[in-house]
Amino acid sequence: MKSLLERLRVRRLASTFTVLATLSAGILIGSVVAHGVKGQEKTVDSSDATPLKIPNPRDLSTTFTRIAKEVGPAVVNINSETLPKEHNRRGRMRQAPQQQGPDDNSPDDDQGPGQGNDQGGMQDFFNRFFGMGPQGPEQGGPDDGGGGGERESLGSGFIVDSRGYIITNNHVVDKADKIYVKLTTDPEGERGHPATVVGVDKDTDIAVIKINVDHPLPTVKMGNSDSAQVGDWVMAIGIPFNLSQTVTAGIVSAKNRTIDPTPAGQFQHFIQTDAAINPGNSGGPLINMAGEVIGVNTAIYTESGGYQGIGFAMPANTVISDYNDLIGPEHKVVRGSIGISFRPNLPPAVSRVYGFKNGVLISSVTPGQPADKAGLKTGDIITAIDGKTIKDGDELVNNISARKPGTSVSIGYLRNGKPMTTTVTIGDRTKVIEAGNVAGNQQGPGSGSGADASQSKLGITVRDLPQGAPADLHGVLVQTVKPGSFADSIQLPERGVIIAVNKQPVRNKADYNAIVSELKSGQDVVFEVVDPQHPHDGSNFFGGTLQ
């Protein structure tokens, strides 16, 4: 059965032919009527015309040509099949696309739990490559309308070890029941070599697979992605839209690009390129002008499902680190964690009120985990690791996650403006997240009603926490936020619990009113807020300058 692409192509060409044929007939009839030239071409004497000759081949080789010849043999086509799950004999169960990465409500050493997630909207634009939809097409088998078919996904990869080890994207092989790798030397029409998964890392969307061969295979050269600069020429090689191997070229458009602001994307800092990449290129290499792989093509920004000039590749340095872990005895990537969460991109007012320019403001500490055991608390500001200044959350995550569990690190921090240090033993990130999920499964207080005197100044009404609230939860419950008010402008959430204003603890409504009564126009105001349904998931900070 022809693929959807083939059917569309046939229809398009057929339609074009019909239009061209009609136009040609009209032109011919018009010509005969106007000039009466039917059959005249037989009487034209063309003996004076000089026949054209095919010239001898010219070698116009460029750097692009050389690289395509060198790297092309090591780029492979990957076919993965997922057998359908059946509800009954009459139909198939089609599963919705799954997001990669940790749960959005998991604490981690980057963005903390409870952060808003608009990934559903983003996924309309950041489509994966191996298929036509967000996570690939669901093409039916011989019987497209019933059971017994298979869902096929197409992607690319590249050989890094002559014994058959291949790097690709995790989403190319995720949940696949069968994986086949087709080499450039395999006969046309064959599926290729069966492959097995060596290991995957969902956090970076990288997978290592292996095929068994009886001869050494061609390999790529890996490069140092840190050396790539914006404006450098790059090439992409892959198998888009189930076509044969395709080469495109462009430049490095940007570096360290983050496209997923949730915790699921905290280890995904991409190289952006305008080299044309399309569905099917996923997992293929991004190559510099030295013929070295500096990235793995992973995602595109698109409103059409195809190339729009913005593609993203996972940097080679990250890929190499993942690969070395995945081929190790445990076949998994182990990252360090200390069991805290924080909010990125805090308003400037928060930094001014808490008195820091560089550093990371802790919004929660997972009970019983390394940071908690070392004495770190919510509201502390991490400023240094082993004496090295920490500028922001990205630096903190990169530093901590690269360390092995069980090792120790000296952390410098500010508490109420006073510099302090503590020694923290690095934990296993996976285990720390699991512990945080357990600690976060506690319910908070319900809703209530009441008026608040701060409405005219801040635009909110609050009330004391209702009976039955957790004993260790203090503060006031936000009931309403007036549209266009100061609270609305800083996106203070309704139903949140304010536990501090400008670092001053709020135990009840009386505390809150006393603090608010002292606020003046032109002053920075910062609210520390927790989710009453998950009070142990950590704090959010909302702030701005009161007008």
Protein backbone atom coordinates (compact mmCIF):
# COMPACT_ATOMS: atom_id res chain seq x y z
CA MET A 1 0.00 0.00 0.00
CA LYS A 2 1.39 3.35 -0.94
CA SER A 3 2.41 5.68 1.81
CA LEU A 4 0.42 8.83 2.49
CA LEU A 5 3.24 10.90 1.02
CA GLU A 6 3.21 8.81 -2.17
CA ARG A 7 -0.56 9.12 -2.51
CA LEU A 8 -0.38 12.88 -2.05
CA ARG A 9 2.41 13.12 -4.57
CA VAL A 10 0.45 11.15 -7.14
CA ARG A 11 -2.61 13.32 -6.70
CA ARG A 12 -0.59 16.49 -6.92
CA LEU A 13 1.17 15.40 -10.08
CA ALA A 14 -2.03 14.08 -11.62
CA SER A 15 -3.78 17.38 -10.96
CA THR A 16 -0.87 19.29 -12.42
CA PHE A 17 -0.88 17.11 -15.52
CA THR A 18 -4.57 17.74 -16.07
CA VAL A 19 -4.10 21.48 -15.85
CA LEU A 20 -1.08 21.45 -18.12
CA ALA A 21 -2.82 19.19 -20.64
CA THR A 22 -5.84 21.48 -20.79
CA LEU A 23 -3.67 24.53 -21.21
CA SER A 24 -1.62 22.83 -23.94
CA ALA A 25 -4.76 21.82 -25.84
CA GLY A 26 -6.11 25.36 -25.61
CA ILE A 27 -2.87 26.85 -26.84
CA LEU A 28 -2.69 24.36 -29.74
CA ILE A 29 -6.30 24.99 -30.84
CA GLY A 30 -5.81 28.73 -30.55
CA SER A 31 -2.67 28.48 -32.64
CA VAL A 32 -4.39 26.48 -35.40
CA VAL A 33 -7.35 28.86 -35.51
CA ALA A 34 -5.20 31.96 -35.54
CA HIS A 35 -2.40 30.89 -37.83
CA GLY A 36 -3.42 27.65 -39.54
CA VAL A 37 -0.03 26.09 -38.76
CA LYS A 38 -1.16 22.50 -38.19
CA GLY A 39 1.48 20.16 -39.62
CA GLN A 40 3.85 23.01 -40.45
CA GLU A 41 6.57 21.56 -38.19
CA LYS A 42 7.03 18.76 -40.73
CA THR A 43 8.07 21.18 -43.42
CA VAL A 44 10.65 23.17 -41.40
CA ASP A 45 14.22 22.74 -42.68
CA SER A 46 16.41 22.29 -39.56
CA SER A 47 19.56 21.13 -41.36
CA ASP A 48 21.38 24.25 -40.19
CA ALA A 49 20.78 23.50 -36.47
CA THR A 50 23.82 22.41 -34.43
CA PRO A 51 23.22 19.36 -32.21
CA LEU A 52 23.88 19.82 -28.47
CA LYS A 53 26.62 17.83 -26.81
CA ILE A 54 26.89 16.59 -23.24
CA PRO A 55 30.10 18.19 -21.91
CA ASN A 56 32.79 16.26 -20.09
CA PRO A 57 32.22 16.08 -16.31
CA ARG A 58 33.73 18.91 -14.30
CA ASP A 59 34.96 18.51 -10.74
CA LEU A 60 33.27 21.29 -8.77
CA SER A 61 33.99 19.73 -5.41
CA THR A 62 33.54 21.93 -2.35
CA THR A 63 33.91 21.40 1.37
CA PHE A 64 30.24 20.43 1.41
CA THR A 65 30.84 17.78 -1.25
CA ARG A 66 33.80 16.32 0.61
CA ILE A 67 31.95 16.17 3.92
CA ALA A 68 28.87 14.58 2.36
CA LYS A 69 31.05 11.84 0.88
CA GLU A 70 32.94 11.29 4.14
CA VAL A 71 30.03 11.34 6.58
CA GLY A 72 27.19 10.01 4.42
CA PRO A 73 28.10 6.30 4.65
CA ALA A 74 27.88 6.45 8.48
CA VAL A 75 24.36 7.97 8.51
CA VAL A 76 21.59 5.38 8.76
CA ASN A 77 17.84 5.14 8.34
CA ILE A 78 15.93 3.86 11.38
CA ASN A 79 12.53 2.19 11.12
CA SER A 80 10.71 1.46 14.35
CA GLU A 81 7.46 -0.46 14.62
CA THR A 82 4.96 -0.35 17.44
CA LEU A 83 2.43 -3.15 17.40
CA PRO A 84 -1.13 -1.89 17.98
CA LYS A 85 -2.81 -2.32 21.33
CA GLU A 86 -6.29 -3.65 20.77
CA HIS A 87 -9.41 -2.86 22.75
CA ASN A 88 -11.23 -5.56 20.80
CA ARG A 89 -11.28 -7.25 17.43
CA ARG A 90 -12.98 -4.33 15.73
CA GLY A 91 -10.38 -1.60 16.25
CA ARG A 92 -7.03 -0.44 17.47
CA MET A 93 -6.14 1.60 20.51
CA ARG A 94 -4.15 4.65 19.43
CA GLN A 95 -2.07 6.07 22.24
CA ALA A 96 -1.62 9.79 22.70
CA PRO A 97 1.93 11.21 22.38
CA GLN A 98 3.90 11.12 25.61
CA GLN A 99 6.06 13.97 26.85
CA GLN A 100 9.66 13.08 27.57
CA GLY A 101 11.51 13.94 30.74
CA PRO A 102 10.65 13.93 34.44
CA ASP A 103 7.25 14.70 35.83
CA ASP A 104 6.51 18.43 35.84
CA ASN A 105 5.71 18.28 39.55
CA SER A 106 9.01 16.65 40.49
CA PRO A 107 11.47 18.67 42.57
CA ASP A 108 14.88 19.04 41.05
CA ASP A 109 17.95 21.26 40.98
CA ASP A 110 16.39 23.58 38.44
CA GLN A 111 12.76 24.48 38.08
CA GLY A 112 10.66 23.39 40.97
CA PRO A 113 7.34 21.70 41.34
CA GLY A 114 4.08 23.38 40.68
CA GLN A 115 5.32 25.63 37.88
CA GLY A 116 2.86 26.40 35.13
CA ASN A 117 3.26 24.30 32.03
CA ASP A 118 2.07 25.44 28.62
CA GLN A 119 3.87 22.63 26.90
CA GLY A 120 0.64 21.49 25.31
CA GLY A 121 0.56 24.68 23.28
CA MET A 122 4.27 24.62 22.56
CA GLN A 123 4.07 21.08 21.24
CA ASP A 124 1.90 22.37 18.40
CA PHE A 125 5.03 24.12 17.16
CA PHE A 126 7.94 22.07 18.43
CA ASN A 127 7.25 18.90 16.47
CA ARG A 128 9.37 15.80 16.60
CA PHE A 129 10.97 14.63 13.38
CA PHE A 130 10.37 10.98 12.81
CA GLY A 131 6.76 11.42 11.78
CA MET A 132 4.13 13.87 10.67
CA GLY A 133 2.57 14.55 14.08
CA PRO A 134 3.97 15.72 17.42
CA GLN A 135 5.38 12.27 18.09
CA GLY A 136 5.04 10.66 14.69
CA PRO A 137 2.34 9.33 12.39
CA GLU A 138 0.23 6.34 13.03
CA GLN A 139 0.24 4.66 9.68
CA GLY A 140 -1.94 1.61 9.38
CA GLY A 141 -0.75 -1.66 8.02
CA PRO A 142 -2.49 -3.64 5.29
CA ASP A 143 -5.78 -3.14 7.13
CA ASP A 144 -5.68 0.54 8.04
CA GLY A 145 -9.06 0.54 9.65
CA GLY A 146 -8.84 -2.45 11.95
CA GLY A 147 -6.62 -4.60 14.07
CA GLY A 148 -3.53 -6.40 12.91
CA GLY A 149 -1.69 -3.37 11.55
CA GLU A 150 1.48 -1.72 12.78
CA ARG A 151 2.45 1.87 13.49
CA GLU A 152 5.66 2.78 11.70
CA SER A 153 8.02 5.57 12.68
CA LEU A 154 10.95 6.79 10.66
CA GLY A 155 14.10 8.51 11.81
CA SER A 156 17.84 8.81 11.31
CA GLY A 157 20.98 8.00 13.25
CA PHE A 158 24.73 7.78 12.86
CA ILE A 159 27.35 5.12 13.57
CA VAL A 160 29.95 6.03 16.21
CA ASP A 161 31.57 2.61 16.68
CA SER A 162 32.49 0.28 13.82
CA ARG A 163 31.06 -2.65 15.83
CA GLY A 164 27.56 -1.32 15.20
CA TYR A 165 26.83 1.23 17.95
CA ILE A 166 24.52 4.00 16.74
CA ILE A 167 23.32 7.28 18.28
CA THR A 168 19.80 8.55 17.61
CA ASN A 169 16.92 10.26 19.44
CA ASN A 170 15.02 8.47 22.16
CA HIS A 171 11.70 9.48 20.59
CA VAL A 172 12.66 7.62 17.40
CA VAL A 173 12.78 4.28 19.23
CA ASP A 174 10.61 4.97 22.28
CA LYS A 175 8.03 2.23 22.93
CA ALA A 176 9.04 0.44 19.72
CA ASP A 177 8.47 -3.31 19.51
CA LYS A 178 10.81 -3.68 16.54
CA ILE A 179 13.71 -1.53 15.36
CA TYR A 180 15.50 -1.85 12.03
CA VAL A 181 18.59 0.01 10.83
CA LYS A 182 19.17 0.41 7.12
CA LEU A 183 22.73 1.13 6.00
CA THR A 184 23.58 3.02 2.83
CA THR A 185 24.95 -0.23 1.38
CA ASP A 186 21.80 -2.27 2.05
CA PRO A 187 19.74 -3.24 -1.02
CA GLU A 188 16.75 -1.08 -1.90
CA GLY A 189 13.50 -2.45 -0.58
CA GLU A 190 14.97 -4.25 2.43
CA ARG A 191 14.14 -3.14 5.97
CA GLY A 192 17.70 -3.45 7.22
CA HIS A 193 19.33 -4.95 10.29
CA PRO A 194 17.41 -5.68 13.51
CA ALA A 195 18.62 -3.41 16.30
CA THR A 196 18.50 -3.55 20.08
CA VAL A 197 18.40 -0.63 22.51
CA VAL A 198 21.56 -0.28 24.59
CA GLY A 199 20.25 2.59 26.70
CA VAL A 200 18.22 5.80 26.57
CA ASP A 201 18.20 9.15 28.34
CA LYS A 202 14.77 10.81 28.21
CA ASP A 203 16.09 14.02 29.77
CA THR A 204 18.18 14.76 26.66
CA ASP A 205 16.17 12.62 24.21
CA ILE A 206 19.24 10.55 23.32
CA ALA A 207 19.32 6.80 22.64
CA VAL A 208 22.07 4.32 21.80
CA ILE A 209 21.15 1.26 19.73
CA LYS A 210 23.25 -1.57 18.28
CA ILE A 211 23.16 -3.83 15.25
CA ASN A 212 25.18 -7.00 14.76
CA VAL A 213 27.38 -7.06 11.67
CA ASP A 214 30.18 -9.30 10.41
CA HIS A 215 32.39 -6.46 9.18
CA PRO A 216 33.55 -3.05 10.46
CA LEU A 217 31.18 -0.20 9.69
CA PRO A 218 32.06 3.38 8.68
CA THR A 219 31.86 5.86 11.57
CA VAL A 220 31.53 9.61 12.07
CA LYS A 221 33.99 11.87 13.84
CA MET A 222 32.63 13.56 16.96
CA GLY A 223 33.46 17.23 17.49
CA ASN A 224 33.51 19.62 20.45
CA SER A 225 30.22 21.53 20.34
CA ASP A 226 31.62 24.28 22.58
CA SER A 227 33.80 25.40 19.66
CA ALA A 228 30.77 26.06 17.43
CA GLN A 229 30.04 29.75 16.93
CA VAL A 230 26.98 31.60 15.72
CA GLY A 231 27.41 32.08 11.98
CA ASP A 232 29.45 28.88 11.40
CA TRP A 233 28.47 26.81 8.38
CA VAL A 234 26.90 23.46 9.25
CA MET A 235 25.35 20.53 7.37
CA ALA A 236 22.51 18.19 8.26
CA ILE A 237 22.25 14.66 6.91
CA GLY A 238 19.20 12.47 7.34
CA ILE A 239 16.27 10.72 5.73
CA PRO A 240 13.34 13.18 5.65
CA PHE A 241 9.83 12.08 4.66
CA ASN A 242 11.07 8.53 4.00
CA LEU A 243 13.18 9.74 1.09
CA SER A 244 16.71 8.48 0.59
CA GLN A 245 19.62 10.17 2.33
CA THR A 246 19.40 13.96 2.01
CA VAL A 247 22.04 16.64 2.65
CA THR A 248 21.22 20.25 3.55
CA ALA A 249 23.35 23.19 4.68
CA GLY A 250 22.90 26.31 6.79
CA ILE A 251 24.53 28.11 9.69
CA VAL A 252 24.52 27.99 13.46
CA SER A 253 21.75 30.46 14.27
CA ALA A 254 22.05 30.46 18.08
CA LYS A 255 23.50 28.45 20.96
CA ASN A 256 22.25 27.35 24.36
CA ARG A 257 18.66 27.63 23.19
CA THR A 258 16.01 26.34 25.62
CA ILE A 259 12.63 25.48 24.06
CA ASP A 260 10.93 23.79 27.01
CA PRO A 261 10.76 25.98 30.14
CA THR A 262 9.45 23.17 32.35
CA PRO A 263 11.62 20.78 34.42
CA ALA A 264 11.38 18.30 31.53
CA GLY A 265 13.63 20.59 29.48
CA GLN A 266 16.24 21.54 32.03
CA PHE A 267 18.99 19.44 30.41
CA GLN A 268 18.04 20.44 26.87
CA HIS A 269 20.09 23.43 25.74
CA PHE A 270 20.17 23.24 21.96
CA ILE A 271 22.20 24.48 19.04
CA GLN A 272 19.77 26.32 16.75
CA THR A 273 20.31 26.07 13.00
CA ASP A 274 18.61 27.07 9.76
CA ALA A 275 19.89 24.02 7.88
CA ALA A 276 16.75 22.47 6.38
CA ILE A 277 15.59 19.57 8.55
CA ASN A 278 12.21 17.88 8.35
CA PRO A 279 10.27 14.91 9.75
CA GLY A 280 12.57 11.92 9.37
CA ASN A 281 15.77 13.88 10.07
CA SER A 282 15.39 13.27 13.79
CA GLY A 283 18.46 11.60 15.24
CA GLY A 284 20.68 12.55 12.33
CA PRO A 285 23.94 14.49 12.68
CA LEU A 286 24.62 18.22 12.51
CA ILE A 287 28.12 18.56 11.08
CA ASN A 288 30.69 21.37 11.08
CA MET A 289 33.07 22.23 8.26
CA ALA A 290 35.73 19.94 9.71
CA GLY A 291 33.38 17.01 9.05
CA GLU A 292 32.73 16.54 12.78
CA VAL A 293 29.37 15.91 14.40
CA ILE A 294 28.56 18.79 16.74
CA GLY A 295 24.91 17.94 17.39
CA VAL A 296 22.00 15.52 17.05
CA ASN A 297 19.01 16.99 15.20
CA THR A 298 16.11 16.73 17.65
CA ALA A 299 13.29 19.26 17.18
CA ILE A 300 11.94 21.95 14.88
CA TYR A 301 9.80 25.03 15.28
CA THR A 302 7.00 24.73 12.77
CA GLU A 303 3.41 25.76 12.19
CA SER A 304 3.12 23.57 9.10
CA GLY A 305 4.77 20.34 10.22
CA GLY A 306 7.75 20.98 7.93
CA TYR A 307 10.86 23.11 7.63
CA GLN A 308 10.51 26.80 8.55
CA GLY A 309 14.17 27.69 9.11
CA ILE A 310 14.39 26.92 12.83
CA GLY A 311 15.80 23.58 13.95
CA PHE A 312 17.39 22.39 17.17
CA ALA A 313 20.25 19.95 17.75
CA MET A 314 21.41 18.49 21.06
CA PRO A 315 25.09 19.56 21.47
CA ALA A 316 27.72 16.88 20.89
CA ASN A 317 29.38 17.41 24.28
CA THR A 318 26.12 16.47 26.01
CA VAL A 319 25.64 13.54 23.64
CA ILE A 320 29.16 12.20 24.22
CA SER A 321 28.69 12.30 27.99
CA ASP A 322 25.35 10.50 27.69
CA TYR A 323 26.78 7.91 25.31
CA ASN A 324 29.62 7.01 27.65
CA ASP A 325 27.13 6.44 30.48
CA LEU A 326 24.70 4.49 28.32
CA ILE A 327 27.31 2.00 27.11
CA GLY A 328 28.45 1.48 30.72
CA PRO A 329 27.44 -1.47 32.91
CA GLU A 330 24.21 0.17 34.15
CA HIS A 331 23.17 1.49 30.71
CA LYS A 332 21.75 4.68 32.16
CA VAL A 333 22.76 8.29 32.75
CA VAL A 334 23.32 9.06 36.43
CA ARG A 335 23.05 12.70 37.47
CA GLY A 336 23.72 14.36 40.77
CA SER A 337 21.14 16.24 42.82
CA ILE A 338 20.94 17.96 46.21
CA GLY A 339 17.16 18.00 46.53
CA ILE A 340 16.16 21.62 46.06
CA SER A 341 13.98 23.49 43.61
CA PHE A 342 13.98 27.09 42.44
CA ARG A 343 12.17 29.38 40.04
CA PRO A 344 14.05 30.69 37.01
CA ASN A 345 13.67 34.23 35.65
CA LEU A 346 12.54 35.82 38.89
CA PRO A 347 11.32 39.43 38.69
CA PRO A 348 14.03 42.02 39.48
CA ALA A 349 12.06 43.07 42.54
CA VAL A 350 12.70 39.65 44.11
CA SER A 351 16.47 40.05 43.75
CA ARG A 352 16.33 43.54 45.24
CA VAL A 353 14.20 42.54 48.22
CA TYR A 354 16.27 39.44 48.95
CA GLY A 355 19.53 41.30 48.39
CA PHE A 356 21.34 39.41 45.66
CA LYS A 357 22.40 39.93 42.05
CA ASN A 358 23.90 36.53 41.27
CA GLY A 359 22.80 33.25 42.75
CA VAL A 360 19.83 30.93 43.11
CA LEU A 361 16.95 31.55 45.52
CA ILE A 362 15.78 28.22 46.97
CA SER A 363 12.01 27.81 46.74
CA SER A 364 11.82 24.37 48.36
CA VAL A 365 13.99 21.75 50.04
CA THR A 366 13.04 18.09 49.79
CA PRO A 367 12.78 16.64 53.31
CA GLY A 368 15.42 14.09 54.20
CA GLN A 369 17.51 14.73 51.08
CA PRO A 370 21.09 16.13 50.82
CA ALA A 371 20.28 19.86 51.03
CA ASP A 372 17.92 19.32 53.95
CA LYS A 373 20.52 17.23 55.80
CA ALA A 374 23.10 19.99 55.22
CA GLY A 375 20.82 22.62 56.75
CA LEU A 376 19.75 24.55 53.64
CA LYS A 377 16.30 26.13 53.85
CA THR A 378 13.69 27.78 51.64
CA GLY A 379 14.70 31.41 51.10
CA ASP A 380 18.45 30.70 51.22
CA ILE A 381 20.40 31.99 48.23
CA ILE A 382 23.09 29.68 46.81
CA THR A 383 25.97 31.86 45.64
CA ALA A 384 28.95 29.49 45.19
CA ILE A 385 29.96 25.85 44.76
CA ASP A 386 33.45 24.87 45.90
CA GLY A 387 34.34 28.56 45.93
CA LYS A 388 33.18 29.18 42.36
CA THR A 389 30.49 31.85 41.97
CA ILE A 390 27.13 30.57 40.74
CA LYS A 391 25.47 33.08 38.43
CA ASP A 392 22.09 31.44 37.84
CA GLY A 393 20.09 28.25 37.84
CA ASP A 394 21.65 26.87 34.66
CA GLU A 395 25.11 27.01 36.21
CA LEU A 396 23.83 25.36 39.38
CA VAL A 397 22.15 22.52 37.47
CA ASN A 398 25.13 21.92 35.20
CA ASN A 399 27.55 21.87 38.14
CA ILE A 400 25.54 19.62 40.45
CA SER A 401 24.18 17.20 37.83
CA ALA A 402 27.70 16.49 36.53
CA ARG A 403 28.87 15.26 39.95
CA LYS A 404 28.72 11.64 41.04
CA PRO A 405 26.37 10.61 43.84
CA GLY A 406 28.23 10.14 47.10
CA THR A 407 30.76 12.90 46.49
CA SER A 408 30.80 16.03 48.65
CA VAL A 409 30.60 19.67 47.66
CA SER A 410 30.99 22.95 49.55
CA ILE A 411 28.06 25.31 49.01
CA GLY A 412 28.18 29.00 49.83
CA TYR A 413 24.87 30.73 50.49
CA LEU A 414 23.20 33.79 51.98
CA ARG A 415 20.68 33.60 54.81
CA ASN A 416 19.08 36.87 55.82
CA GLY A 417 21.98 38.62 54.13
CA LYS A 418 24.65 36.73 56.09
CA PRO A 419 27.23 34.64 54.12
CA MET A 420 27.36 31.01 55.21
CA THR A 421 28.80 27.70 53.95
CA THR A 422 27.82 24.08 54.29
CA THR A 423 28.97 20.71 52.95
CA VAL A 424 26.46 18.70 50.95
CA THR A 425 26.74 15.06 49.86
CA ILE A 426 25.50 14.67 46.29
CA GLY A 427 22.52 12.34 45.82
CA ASP A 428 21.24 10.33 42.85
CA ARG A 429 18.81 12.58 40.98
CA THR A 430 16.38 9.78 40.20
CA LYS A 431 16.13 8.75 43.84
CA VAL A 432 15.85 12.36 45.02
CA ILE A 433 12.95 12.97 42.62
CA GLU A 434 11.19 9.84 43.85
CA ALA A 435 11.58 11.03 47.45
CA GLY A 436 10.20 14.43 46.48
CA ASN A 437 7.15 12.87 44.85
CA VAL A 438 6.37 10.98 48.05
CA ALA A 439 6.81 14.10 50.18
CA GLY A 440 4.63 16.16 47.85
CA ASN A 441 1.57 13.91 48.01
CA GLN A 442 -0.09 15.81 50.83
CA GLN A 443 -3.34 17.73 50.57
CA GLY A 444 -3.79 21.29 51.79
CA PRO A 445 -6.68 23.42 52.99
CA GLY A 446 -9.91 24.05 51.18
CA SER A 447 -11.50 27.32 50.16
CA GLY A 448 -13.28 30.01 52.15
CA SER A 449 -14.68 33.47 51.88
CA GLY A 450 -14.09 36.91 53.41
CA ALA A 451 -13.09 40.44 52.54
CA ASP A 452 -9.64 42.02 52.84
CA ALA A 453 -8.57 45.59 53.52
CA SER A 454 -5.62 45.31 51.12
CA GLN A 455 -7.83 45.26 48.03
CA SER A 456 -7.52 48.98 47.37
CA LYS A 457 -3.72 48.94 47.62
CA LEU A 458 -2.80 45.58 46.10
CA GLY A 459 -6.00 44.44 44.43
CA ILE A 460 -6.45 41.22 46.41
CA THR A 461 -8.64 39.85 49.16
CA VAL A 462 -7.33 37.25 51.59
CA ARG A 463 -8.61 35.20 54.51
CA ASP A 464 -7.17 33.12 57.31
CA LEU A 465 -6.56 29.46 56.58
CA PRO A 466 -9.60 27.30 57.32
CA GLN A 467 -9.75 24.67 60.03
CA GLY A 468 -8.17 21.43 58.95
CA ALA A 469 -5.17 23.05 57.29
CA PRO A 470 -1.87 21.22 57.87
CA ALA A 471 -0.36 22.16 61.23
CA ASP A 472 2.91 23.26 59.67
CA LEU A 473 1.24 25.54 57.07
CA HIS A 474 0.90 29.21 57.96
CA GLY A 475 -0.21 32.25 55.99
CA VAL A 476 -3.32 33.67 54.33
CA LEU A 477 -5.35 32.31 51.44
CA VAL A 478 -5.73 34.56 48.37
CA GLN A 479 -9.41 34.68 47.48
CA THR A 480 -9.63 37.15 44.61
CA VAL A 481 -7.26 39.13 42.39
CA LYS A 482 -8.72 42.27 40.84
CA PRO A 483 -8.09 42.59 37.08
CA GLY A 484 -5.66 45.41 36.29
CA SER A 485 -4.40 45.63 39.88
CA PHE A 486 -0.83 45.40 41.16
CA ALA A 487 -1.38 41.76 42.14
CA ASP A 488 -2.75 41.01 38.68
CA SER A 489 0.25 42.68 37.02
CA ILE A 490 2.67 40.35 38.84
CA GLN A 491 0.42 37.33 38.16
CA LEU A 492 -0.26 36.53 41.79
CA PRO A 493 -2.42 33.37 41.70
CA GLU A 494 -5.84 33.06 43.25
CA ARG A 495 -6.18 30.20 45.77
CA GLY A 496 -2.48 30.46 46.64
CA VAL A 497 -1.30 30.81 50.25
CA ILE A 498 0.88 33.84 51.01
CA ILE A 499 3.43 32.77 53.62
CA ALA A 500 5.67 35.86 53.53
CA VAL A 501 5.70 39.43 52.22
CA ASN A 502 9.12 41.01 51.65
CA LYS A 503 10.70 38.18 53.66
CA GLN A 504 8.45 38.93 56.66
CA PRO A 505 6.61 35.75 57.74
CA VAL A 506 2.83 35.81 57.52
CA ARG A 507 1.20 33.54 60.12
CA ASN A 508 -2.34 34.88 59.78
CA LYS A 509 -4.45 37.72 58.43
CA ALA A 510 -3.43 40.06 61.24
CA ASP A 511 0.25 39.65 60.31
CA TYR A 512 -0.58 40.20 56.68
CA ASN A 513 -2.58 43.38 57.30
CA ALA A 514 0.16 44.81 59.51
CA ILE A 515 2.79 44.27 56.81
CA VAL A 516 0.60 45.57 53.99
CA SER A 517 -0.29 48.72 55.91
CA GLU A 518 3.38 49.75 55.84
CA LEU A 519 3.82 49.34 52.08
CA LYS A 520 4.29 52.53 50.09
CA SER A 521 4.16 53.57 46.46
CA GLY A 522 7.51 53.03 44.68
CA GLN A 523 8.48 50.20 47.02
CA ASP A 524 9.41 46.70 45.84
CA VAL A 525 6.90 44.12 47.02
CA VAL A 526 7.58 40.38 46.90
CA PHE A 527 5.09 37.66 47.89
CA GLU A 528 6.22 34.14 48.79
CA VAL A 529 3.36 31.81 47.85
CA VAL A 530 2.71 28.07 48.15
CA ASP A 531 0.09 25.86 46.54
CA PRO A 532 -2.37 24.89 49.31
CA GLN A 533 -3.01 21.56 47.64
CA HIS A 534 0.70 20.77 47.64
CA PRO A 535 2.25 23.01 50.33
CA HIS A 536 5.42 20.94 50.58
CA ASP A 537 6.24 21.31 46.88
CA GLY A 538 7.98 24.63 47.54
CA SER A 539 7.42 28.34 47.14
CA ASN A 540 6.77 30.66 44.22
CA PHE A 541 7.98 34.26 44.33
CA PHE A 542 5.92 37.05 42.76
CA GLY A 543 7.10 40.62 42.87
CA GLY A 544 7.17 44.08 41.37
CA THR A 545 7.34 47.76 42.21
CA LEU A 546 4.18 49.13 43.80
CA GLN A 547 2.87 52.12 41.86
